[in-house]
Amino acid sequence: MDQGLVTNPKDLERMQHELESLERRISSLEDDELEIMERVEEAQRELDELQLLVAETDERLGVLGAARDEKFADIDAQAERVRADRAPATEGIPADLIALYDRLREQKGGIGAAALRARECGGCRLTLDSAELTRIKGLPDDEVVRCEECQRILVRTPESGL
């Protein structure tokens, strides 16, 4: 065009418009490219921050996992000591009573027996009525007594109110 090879003015005008259109398109694409590059940089910064957060969280998770494992080991050791201490304490108690206690303990959230104090069940905290107390008072000392409400084994104590 600058060399004068195109002599037709209409062709020259069309080429000029096409060049202007292409320059606008190039400018538009360069603007889009810059915008995309900015978004990529922003996404990369966010990715770096998230990767750092993941690394910190993984480290914290490792520390907490080790602490949890240590606590579990302590709990297991305590449970083993309790089982060892329980064995001599249960000697002489009938097996069916121990089985009943274990079943109730499992059903009642770890408490299979409760003290009867001041006419109140230590398990459900309800006061026993006079008729029930009279019935319990008439039972032999070795008879298993259960709360009518929560079904736990009632352990009679000097404070039972009998």
N, C-alpha and C. Protein backbone atom coordinates (compact mmCIF):
# COMPACT_ATOMS: atom_id res chain seq x y z
N MET A 1 0.83 -1.16 0.00
CA MET A 1 0.00 0.00 0.00
C MET A 1 0.89 1.25 0.00
N ASP A 2 1.86 1.27 0.87
CA ASP A 2 2.75 2.43 0.92
C ASP A 2 3.65 2.50 -0.32
N GLN A 3 3.87 1.38 -0.95
CA GLN A 3 4.74 1.35 -2.13
C GLN A 3 3.99 1.72 -3.40
N GLY A 4 2.70 1.86 -3.34
CA GLY A 4 1.91 2.27 -4.48
C GLY A 4 1.57 1.15 -5.43
N LEU A 5 1.59 -0.08 -4.96
CA LEU A 5 1.28 -1.22 -5.80
C LEU A 5 -0.22 -1.32 -6.09
N VAL A 6 -1.05 -0.84 -5.16
CA VAL A 6 -2.50 -0.89 -5.34
C VAL A 6 -2.92 0.48 -5.91
N THR A 7 -3.53 0.46 -7.06
CA THR A 7 -3.88 1.71 -7.72
C THR A 7 -5.36 2.03 -7.64
N ASN A 8 -6.17 1.04 -7.43
CA ASN A 8 -7.62 1.26 -7.35
C ASN A 8 -7.93 1.91 -6.00
N PRO A 9 -8.56 3.13 -5.99
CA PRO A 9 -8.83 3.81 -4.74
C PRO A 9 -9.82 3.06 -3.85
N LYS A 10 -10.76 2.36 -4.43
CA LYS A 10 -11.71 1.61 -3.59
C LYS A 10 -10.99 0.46 -2.89
N ASP A 11 -10.10 -0.24 -3.56
CA ASP A 11 -9.33 -1.31 -2.93
C ASP A 11 -8.46 -0.74 -1.81
N LEU A 12 -7.90 0.43 -2.13
CA LEU A 12 -7.06 1.08 -1.13
C LEU A 12 -7.88 1.44 0.11
N GLU A 13 -9.07 1.96 -0.12
CA GLU A 13 -9.94 2.34 1.00
C GLU A 13 -10.35 1.10 1.80
N ARG A 14 -10.70 0.04 1.10
CA ARG A 14 -11.07 -1.20 1.81
C ARG A 14 -9.91 -1.74 2.63
N MET A 15 -8.75 -1.70 2.06
CA MET A 15 -7.57 -2.18 2.79
C MET A 15 -7.30 -1.30 4.00
N GLN A 16 -7.49 -0.02 3.83
CA GLN A 16 -7.29 0.91 4.94
C GLN A 16 -8.29 0.61 6.06
N HIS A 17 -9.54 0.39 5.74
CA HIS A 17 -10.56 0.04 6.74
C HIS A 17 -10.23 -1.29 7.41
N GLU A 18 -9.77 -2.21 6.61
CA GLU A 18 -9.43 -3.52 7.16
C GLU A 18 -8.25 -3.39 8.12
N LEU A 19 -7.28 -2.60 7.77
CA LEU A 19 -6.14 -2.37 8.67
C LEU A 19 -6.59 -1.72 9.98
N GLU A 20 -7.45 -0.74 9.89
CA GLU A 20 -7.97 -0.08 11.09
C GLU A 20 -8.76 -1.07 11.94
N SER A 21 -9.56 -1.89 11.25
CA SER A 21 -10.35 -2.91 11.97
C SER A 21 -9.43 -3.92 12.66
N LEU A 22 -8.39 -4.32 11.96
CA LEU A 22 -7.44 -5.28 12.54
C LEU A 22 -6.68 -4.66 13.72
N GLU A 23 -6.32 -3.38 13.60
CA GLU A 23 -5.65 -2.70 14.70
C GLU A 23 -6.56 -2.60 15.92
N ARG A 24 -7.85 -2.28 15.68
CA ARG A 24 -8.80 -2.25 16.79
C ARG A 24 -8.94 -3.64 17.42
N ARG A 25 -9.01 -4.65 16.58
CA ARG A 25 -9.12 -6.03 17.08
C ARG A 25 -7.89 -6.43 17.88
N ILE A 26 -6.70 -6.06 17.37
CA ILE A 26 -5.45 -6.34 18.10
C ILE A 26 -5.46 -5.62 19.44
N SER A 27 -5.87 -4.37 19.44
CA SER A 27 -5.94 -3.60 20.68
C SER A 27 -6.91 -4.25 21.66
N SER A 28 -8.06 -4.66 21.14
CA SER A 28 -9.07 -5.32 22.00
C SER A 28 -8.53 -6.64 22.56
N LEU A 29 -7.86 -7.40 21.71
CA LEU A 29 -7.29 -8.67 22.17
C LEU A 29 -6.18 -8.46 23.19
N GLU A 30 -5.37 -7.42 22.99
CA GLU A 30 -4.32 -7.12 23.96
C GLU A 30 -4.93 -6.72 25.30
N ASP A 31 -6.02 -5.93 25.26
CA ASP A 31 -6.71 -5.57 26.51
C ASP A 31 -7.26 -6.82 27.20
N ASP A 32 -7.86 -7.71 26.41
CA ASP A 32 -8.38 -8.97 26.97
C ASP A 32 -7.25 -9.79 27.57
N GLU A 33 -6.11 -9.81 26.85
CA GLU A 33 -4.96 -10.58 27.34
C GLU A 33 -4.46 -10.01 28.66
N LEU A 34 -4.38 -8.69 28.77
CA LEU A 34 -3.96 -8.06 30.03
C LEU A 34 -4.93 -8.39 31.16
N GLU A 35 -6.21 -8.32 30.85
CA GLU A 35 -7.22 -8.64 31.87
C GLU A 35 -7.10 -10.09 32.32
N ILE A 36 -6.90 -10.98 31.37
CA ILE A 36 -6.75 -12.41 31.71
C ILE A 36 -5.48 -12.63 32.51
N MET A 37 -4.40 -11.93 32.13
CA MET A 37 -3.15 -12.06 32.88
C MET A 37 -3.32 -11.59 34.32
N GLU A 38 -4.08 -10.51 34.51
CA GLU A 38 -4.35 -10.01 35.87
C GLU A 38 -5.15 -11.04 36.66
N ARG A 39 -6.15 -11.62 36.00
CA ARG A 39 -6.96 -12.64 36.69
C ARG A 39 -6.11 -13.86 37.02
N VAL A 40 -5.20 -14.24 36.12
CA VAL A 40 -4.32 -15.38 36.38
C VAL A 40 -3.42 -15.08 37.57
N GLU A 41 -2.86 -13.86 37.61
CA GLU A 41 -2.01 -13.48 38.74
C GLU A 41 -2.80 -13.50 40.04
N GLU A 42 -4.02 -12.98 40.00
CA GLU A 42 -4.88 -12.98 41.19
C GLU A 42 -5.20 -14.42 41.61
N ALA A 43 -5.52 -15.26 40.65
CA ALA A 43 -5.82 -16.67 40.95
C ALA A 43 -4.58 -17.36 41.50
N GLN A 44 -3.41 -17.03 40.97
CA GLN A 44 -2.17 -17.64 41.47
C GLN A 44 -1.90 -17.21 42.91
N ARG A 45 -2.14 -15.91 43.21
CA ARG A 45 -1.97 -15.44 44.60
C ARG A 45 -2.93 -16.18 45.52
N GLU A 46 -4.17 -16.31 45.08
CA GLU A 46 -5.17 -17.02 45.89
C GLU A 46 -4.78 -18.48 46.06
N LEU A 47 -4.29 -19.09 45.00
CA LEU A 47 -3.84 -20.49 45.08
C LEU A 47 -2.70 -20.63 46.07
N ASP A 48 -1.74 -19.70 46.01
CA ASP A 48 -0.60 -19.73 46.94
C ASP A 48 -1.08 -19.60 48.37
N GLU A 49 -2.02 -18.67 48.61
CA GLU A 49 -2.56 -18.49 49.96
C GLU A 49 -3.28 -19.75 50.43
N LEU A 50 -4.06 -20.35 49.54
CA LEU A 50 -4.79 -21.57 49.92
C LEU A 50 -3.85 -22.74 50.15
N GLN A 51 -2.79 -22.82 49.35
CA GLN A 51 -1.82 -23.90 49.56
C GLN A 51 -1.12 -23.72 50.91
N LEU A 52 -0.83 -22.48 51.26
CA LEU A 52 -0.24 -22.21 52.57
C LEU A 52 -1.21 -22.58 53.68
N LEU A 53 -2.47 -22.23 53.50
CA LEU A 53 -3.50 -22.58 54.48
C LEU A 53 -3.64 -24.09 54.61
N VAL A 54 -3.61 -24.80 53.49
CA VAL A 54 -3.69 -26.26 53.52
C VAL A 54 -2.49 -26.84 54.27
N ALA A 55 -1.31 -26.31 54.00
CA ALA A 55 -0.10 -26.80 54.68
C ALA A 55 -0.20 -26.56 56.19
N GLU A 56 -0.66 -25.35 56.58
CA GLU A 56 -0.82 -25.04 58.00
C GLU A 56 -1.87 -25.96 58.63
N THR A 57 -2.97 -26.18 57.92
CA THR A 57 -4.03 -27.04 58.43
C THR A 57 -3.54 -28.48 58.56
N ASP A 58 -2.79 -28.95 57.58
CA ASP A 58 -2.23 -30.31 57.66
C ASP A 58 -1.30 -30.45 58.86
N GLU A 59 -0.50 -29.41 59.09
CA GLU A 59 0.40 -29.44 60.23
C GLU A 59 -0.39 -29.47 61.54
N ARG A 60 -1.41 -28.64 61.61
CA ARG A 60 -2.26 -28.59 62.82
C ARG A 60 -2.99 -29.92 63.00
N LEU A 61 -3.45 -30.50 61.89
CA LEU A 61 -4.12 -31.78 61.95
C LEU A 61 -3.19 -32.87 62.48
N GLY A 62 -1.94 -32.81 62.06
CA GLY A 62 -0.96 -33.78 62.56
C GLY A 62 -0.76 -33.65 64.06
N VAL A 63 -0.65 -32.39 64.53
CA VAL A 63 -0.47 -32.15 65.96
C VAL A 63 -1.70 -32.63 66.74
N LEU A 64 -2.88 -32.28 66.23
CA LEU A 64 -4.12 -32.69 66.91
C LEU A 64 -4.30 -34.20 66.87
N GLY A 65 -3.92 -34.83 65.76
CA GLY A 65 -4.01 -36.29 65.67
C GLY A 65 -3.10 -36.96 66.68
N ALA A 66 -1.90 -36.43 66.85
CA ALA A 66 -0.97 -36.99 67.84
C ALA A 66 -1.52 -36.80 69.25
N ALA A 67 -2.10 -35.63 69.53
CA ALA A 67 -2.70 -35.39 70.85
C ALA A 67 -3.87 -36.33 71.09
N ARG A 68 -4.70 -36.52 70.04
CA ARG A 68 -5.83 -37.44 70.16
C ARG A 68 -5.35 -38.86 70.45
N ASP A 69 -4.33 -39.30 69.73
CA ASP A 69 -3.81 -40.64 69.94
C ASP A 69 -3.26 -40.81 71.36
N GLU A 70 -2.62 -39.75 71.86
CA GLU A 70 -2.09 -39.79 73.22
C GLU A 70 -3.22 -39.89 74.24
N LYS A 71 -4.29 -39.11 74.00
CA LYS A 71 -5.46 -39.16 74.91
C LYS A 71 -6.12 -40.54 74.86
N PHE A 72 -6.25 -41.10 73.65
CA PHE A 72 -6.82 -42.43 73.53
C PHE A 72 -5.99 -43.46 74.30
N ALA A 73 -4.67 -43.33 74.20
CA ALA A 73 -3.79 -44.25 74.92
C ALA A 73 -4.00 -44.09 76.43
N ASP A 74 -4.14 -42.84 76.91
CA ASP A 74 -4.40 -42.60 78.33
C ASP A 74 -5.74 -43.21 78.75
N ILE A 75 -6.75 -43.02 77.92
CA ILE A 75 -8.08 -43.56 78.23
C ILE A 75 -8.04 -45.09 78.25
N ASP A 76 -7.36 -45.68 77.28
CA ASP A 76 -7.23 -47.14 77.25
C ASP A 76 -6.52 -47.65 78.50
N ALA A 77 -5.47 -46.94 78.92
CA ALA A 77 -4.75 -47.34 80.13
C ALA A 77 -5.65 -47.21 81.36
N GLN A 78 -6.42 -46.13 81.43
CA GLN A 78 -7.34 -45.96 82.56
C GLN A 78 -8.40 -47.05 82.55
N ALA A 79 -8.93 -47.36 81.38
CA ALA A 79 -9.95 -48.41 81.30
C ALA A 79 -9.38 -49.75 81.73
N GLU A 80 -8.17 -50.01 81.35
CA GLU A 80 -7.53 -51.28 81.76
C GLU A 80 -7.33 -51.32 83.28
N ARG A 81 -6.95 -50.18 83.87
CA ARG A 81 -6.80 -50.13 85.34
C ARG A 81 -8.14 -50.35 86.03
N VAL A 82 -9.20 -49.73 85.47
CA VAL A 82 -10.54 -49.90 86.06
C VAL A 82 -10.98 -51.36 85.96
N ARG A 83 -10.73 -51.98 84.81
CA ARG A 83 -11.08 -53.41 84.66
C ARG A 83 -10.29 -54.27 85.66
N ALA A 84 -9.02 -53.94 85.84
CA ALA A 84 -8.21 -54.70 86.80
C ALA A 84 -8.70 -54.48 88.23
N ASP A 85 -9.10 -53.23 88.55
CA ASP A 85 -9.62 -52.94 89.89
C ASP A 85 -10.99 -53.56 90.10
N ARG A 86 -11.76 -53.73 89.04
CA ARG A 86 -13.12 -54.25 89.14
C ARG A 86 -13.12 -55.75 89.46
N ALA A 87 -12.15 -56.46 88.93
CA ALA A 87 -12.13 -57.92 89.10
C ALA A 87 -12.21 -58.34 90.57
N PRO A 88 -11.35 -57.83 91.45
CA PRO A 88 -11.47 -58.24 92.86
C PRO A 88 -12.76 -57.75 93.52
N ALA A 89 -13.26 -56.61 93.07
CA ALA A 89 -14.47 -56.05 93.68
C ALA A 89 -15.71 -56.86 93.32
N THR A 90 -15.68 -57.58 92.22
CA THR A 90 -16.85 -58.35 91.79
C THR A 90 -16.81 -59.80 92.26
N GLU A 91 -15.75 -60.19 92.95
CA GLU A 91 -15.70 -61.57 93.45
C GLU A 91 -16.83 -61.80 94.45
N GLY A 92 -17.49 -62.91 94.31
CA GLY A 92 -18.57 -63.26 95.22
C GLY A 92 -19.93 -62.71 94.79
N ILE A 93 -19.98 -61.88 93.77
CA ILE A 93 -21.26 -61.36 93.28
C ILE A 93 -21.76 -62.33 92.22
N PRO A 94 -23.02 -62.72 92.30
CA PRO A 94 -23.55 -63.67 91.32
C PRO A 94 -23.39 -63.17 89.88
N ALA A 95 -23.11 -64.10 88.99
CA ALA A 95 -22.88 -63.76 87.58
C ALA A 95 -24.11 -63.13 86.94
N ASP A 96 -25.32 -63.60 87.33
CA ASP A 96 -26.52 -63.04 86.73
C ASP A 96 -26.72 -61.58 87.14
N LEU A 97 -26.32 -61.21 88.35
CA LEU A 97 -26.42 -59.82 88.82
C LEU A 97 -25.40 -58.95 88.07
N ILE A 98 -24.21 -59.46 87.86
CA ILE A 98 -23.20 -58.71 87.08
C ILE A 98 -23.68 -58.54 85.65
N ALA A 99 -24.28 -59.57 85.08
CA ALA A 99 -24.79 -59.48 83.71
C ALA A 99 -25.91 -58.44 83.62
N LEU A 100 -26.82 -58.42 84.62
CA LEU A 100 -27.89 -57.43 84.67
C LEU A 100 -27.31 -56.02 84.77
N TYR A 101 -26.34 -55.86 85.66
CA TYR A 101 -25.70 -54.55 85.83
C TYR A 101 -25.04 -54.10 84.52
N ASP A 102 -24.30 -54.99 83.88
CA ASP A 102 -23.62 -54.64 82.62
C ASP A 102 -24.62 -54.26 81.53
N ARG A 103 -25.72 -54.99 81.45
CA ARG A 103 -26.75 -54.69 80.45
C ARG A 103 -27.38 -53.32 80.72
N LEU A 104 -27.72 -53.06 81.99
CA LEU A 104 -28.30 -51.76 82.35
C LEU A 104 -27.31 -50.62 82.12
N ARG A 105 -26.06 -50.87 82.44
CA ARG A 105 -25.03 -49.84 82.24
C ARG A 105 -24.91 -49.48 80.76
N GLU A 106 -25.00 -50.47 79.91
CA GLU A 106 -24.93 -50.21 78.47
C GLU A 106 -26.16 -49.44 77.99
N GLN A 107 -27.33 -49.79 78.52
CA GLN A 107 -28.58 -49.14 78.10
C GLN A 107 -28.73 -47.74 78.67
N LYS A 108 -28.20 -47.51 79.84
CA LYS A 108 -28.46 -46.26 80.58
C LYS A 108 -27.28 -45.29 80.57
N GLY A 109 -26.47 -45.34 79.56
CA GLY A 109 -25.40 -44.36 79.43
C GLY A 109 -24.29 -44.51 80.44
N GLY A 110 -23.98 -45.74 80.82
CA GLY A 110 -22.84 -45.99 81.71
C GLY A 110 -23.20 -46.12 83.17
N ILE A 111 -24.46 -45.91 83.55
CA ILE A 111 -24.86 -46.01 84.96
C ILE A 111 -25.92 -47.09 85.09
N GLY A 112 -25.50 -48.24 85.63
CA GLY A 112 -26.42 -49.37 85.77
C GLY A 112 -27.02 -49.47 87.15
N ALA A 113 -26.38 -48.85 88.12
CA ALA A 113 -26.87 -48.88 89.51
C ALA A 113 -26.79 -47.47 90.07
N ALA A 114 -27.72 -47.17 90.99
CA ALA A 114 -27.76 -45.83 91.58
C ALA A 114 -28.10 -45.96 93.06
N ALA A 115 -27.56 -45.05 93.83
CA ALA A 115 -27.82 -45.06 95.26
C ALA A 115 -29.23 -44.54 95.54
N LEU A 116 -29.86 -45.15 96.54
CA LEU A 116 -31.17 -44.69 97.02
C LEU A 116 -30.88 -43.85 98.25
N ARG A 117 -31.02 -42.53 98.10
CA ARG A 117 -30.72 -41.61 99.20
C ARG A 117 -31.90 -40.66 99.39
N ALA A 118 -32.28 -40.48 100.60
CA ALA A 118 -33.36 -39.55 100.95
C ALA A 118 -34.59 -39.78 100.08
N ARG A 119 -34.94 -41.07 99.90
CA ARG A 119 -36.12 -41.50 99.13
C ARG A 119 -36.03 -41.13 97.65
N GLU A 120 -34.82 -40.87 97.16
CA GLU A 120 -34.62 -40.46 95.77
C GLU A 120 -33.67 -41.41 95.06
N CYS A 121 -34.03 -41.77 93.82
CA CYS A 121 -33.16 -42.60 92.98
C CYS A 121 -32.01 -41.73 92.48
N GLY A 122 -30.80 -42.18 92.67
CA GLY A 122 -29.63 -41.43 92.22
C GLY A 122 -29.47 -41.45 90.71
N GLY A 123 -30.20 -42.32 90.01
CA GLY A 123 -30.09 -42.40 88.55
C GLY A 123 -31.00 -41.41 87.85
N CYS A 124 -32.30 -41.49 88.15
CA CYS A 124 -33.27 -40.61 87.46
C CYS A 124 -33.66 -39.41 88.30
N ARG A 125 -33.22 -39.37 89.54
CA ARG A 125 -33.46 -38.26 90.46
C ARG A 125 -34.94 -38.08 90.82
N LEU A 126 -35.73 -39.13 90.67
CA LEU A 126 -37.14 -39.05 91.04
C LEU A 126 -37.30 -39.59 92.46
N THR A 127 -38.24 -39.00 93.20
CA THR A 127 -38.52 -39.42 94.56
C THR A 127 -39.47 -40.62 94.52
N LEU A 128 -39.15 -41.65 95.30
CA LEU A 128 -40.00 -42.83 95.36
C LEU A 128 -41.17 -42.56 96.29
N ASP A 129 -42.33 -43.08 95.93
CA ASP A 129 -43.51 -42.84 96.78
C ASP A 129 -43.45 -43.74 98.02
N SER A 130 -44.30 -43.45 98.96
CA SER A 130 -44.28 -44.15 100.26
C SER A 130 -44.56 -45.64 100.10
N ALA A 131 -45.47 -46.00 99.20
CA ALA A 131 -45.80 -47.41 99.01
C ALA A 131 -44.58 -48.18 98.50
N GLU A 132 -43.86 -47.60 97.57
CA GLU A 132 -42.66 -48.24 97.02
C GLU A 132 -41.59 -48.36 98.10
N LEU A 133 -41.42 -47.32 98.89
CA LEU A 133 -40.43 -47.38 99.98
C LEU A 133 -40.80 -48.46 100.99
N THR A 134 -42.08 -48.59 101.31
CA THR A 134 -42.54 -49.64 102.24
C THR A 134 -42.25 -51.02 101.66
N ARG A 135 -42.50 -51.19 100.35
CA ARG A 135 -42.23 -52.47 99.69
C ARG A 135 -40.73 -52.80 99.75
N ILE A 136 -39.89 -51.81 99.46
CA ILE A 136 -38.43 -52.02 99.47
C ILE A 136 -37.97 -52.33 100.88
N LYS A 137 -38.55 -51.66 101.87
CA LYS A 137 -38.16 -51.86 103.27
C LYS A 137 -38.44 -53.30 103.70
N GLY A 138 -39.50 -53.90 103.17
CA GLY A 138 -39.87 -55.26 103.54
C GLY A 138 -39.05 -56.33 102.83
N LEU A 139 -38.25 -55.97 101.84
CA LEU A 139 -37.45 -56.96 101.10
C LEU A 139 -36.20 -57.32 101.87
N PRO A 140 -35.72 -58.56 101.69
CA PRO A 140 -34.46 -58.94 102.35
C PRO A 140 -33.29 -58.09 101.82
N ASP A 141 -32.24 -57.98 102.62
CA ASP A 141 -31.09 -57.15 102.25
C ASP A 141 -30.40 -57.62 100.98
N ASP A 142 -30.46 -58.91 100.68
CA ASP A 142 -29.76 -59.43 99.50
C ASP A 142 -30.64 -59.44 98.24
N GLU A 143 -31.87 -58.92 98.35
CA GLU A 143 -32.78 -58.86 97.21
C GLU A 143 -32.39 -57.67 96.32
N VAL A 144 -32.39 -57.89 95.00
CA VAL A 144 -32.07 -56.83 94.04
C VAL A 144 -33.30 -55.95 93.88
N VAL A 145 -33.12 -54.65 94.12
CA VAL A 145 -34.20 -53.69 94.02
C VAL A 145 -33.92 -52.79 92.82
N ARG A 146 -34.98 -52.57 92.01
CA ARG A 146 -34.82 -51.72 90.82
C ARG A 146 -35.79 -50.56 90.88
N CYS A 147 -35.37 -49.44 90.35
CA CYS A 147 -36.21 -48.24 90.30
C CYS A 147 -37.34 -48.49 89.30
N GLU A 148 -38.56 -48.13 89.69
CA GLU A 148 -39.71 -48.33 88.80
C GLU A 148 -39.62 -47.43 87.56
N GLU A 149 -39.00 -46.28 87.68
CA GLU A 149 -38.95 -45.32 86.57
C GLU A 149 -37.82 -45.61 85.58
N CYS A 150 -36.60 -45.72 86.08
CA CYS A 150 -35.46 -45.85 85.17
C CYS A 150 -34.92 -47.28 85.07
N GLN A 151 -35.42 -48.17 85.89
CA GLN A 151 -35.07 -49.59 85.89
C GLN A 151 -33.64 -49.88 86.36
N ARG A 152 -32.93 -48.88 86.86
CA ARG A 152 -31.59 -49.12 87.38
C ARG A 152 -31.68 -49.88 88.70
N ILE A 153 -30.57 -50.54 89.02
CA ILE A 153 -30.49 -51.24 90.31
C ILE A 153 -30.34 -50.18 91.39
N LEU A 154 -31.17 -50.27 92.43
CA LEU A 154 -31.08 -49.33 93.55
C LEU A 154 -30.21 -49.93 94.64
N VAL A 155 -29.23 -49.15 95.05
CA VAL A 155 -28.34 -49.57 96.13
C VAL A 155 -28.82 -48.88 97.40
N ARG A 156 -29.25 -49.70 98.35
CA ARG A 156 -29.76 -49.12 99.61
C ARG A 156 -28.59 -48.66 100.46
N THR A 157 -28.70 -47.44 100.99
CA THR A 157 -27.66 -46.86 101.85
C THR A 157 -28.29 -46.44 103.15
N PRO A 158 -27.49 -46.11 104.15
CA PRO A 158 -28.07 -45.63 105.40
C PRO A 158 -28.91 -44.36 105.22
N GLU A 159 -28.64 -43.60 104.16
CA GLU A 159 -29.40 -42.38 103.90
C GLU A 159 -30.64 -42.62 103.04
N SER A 160 -31.02 -43.88 102.83
CA SER A 160 -32.12 -44.20 101.93
C SER A 160 -33.48 -43.71 102.41
N GLY A 161 -33.65 -43.53 103.68
CA GLY A 161 -34.94 -43.12 104.21
C GLY A 161 -35.84 -44.30 104.49
N LEU A 162 -35.25 -45.49 104.65
CA LEU A 162 -36.05 -46.69 104.92
C LEU A 162 -36.17 -46.93 106.41
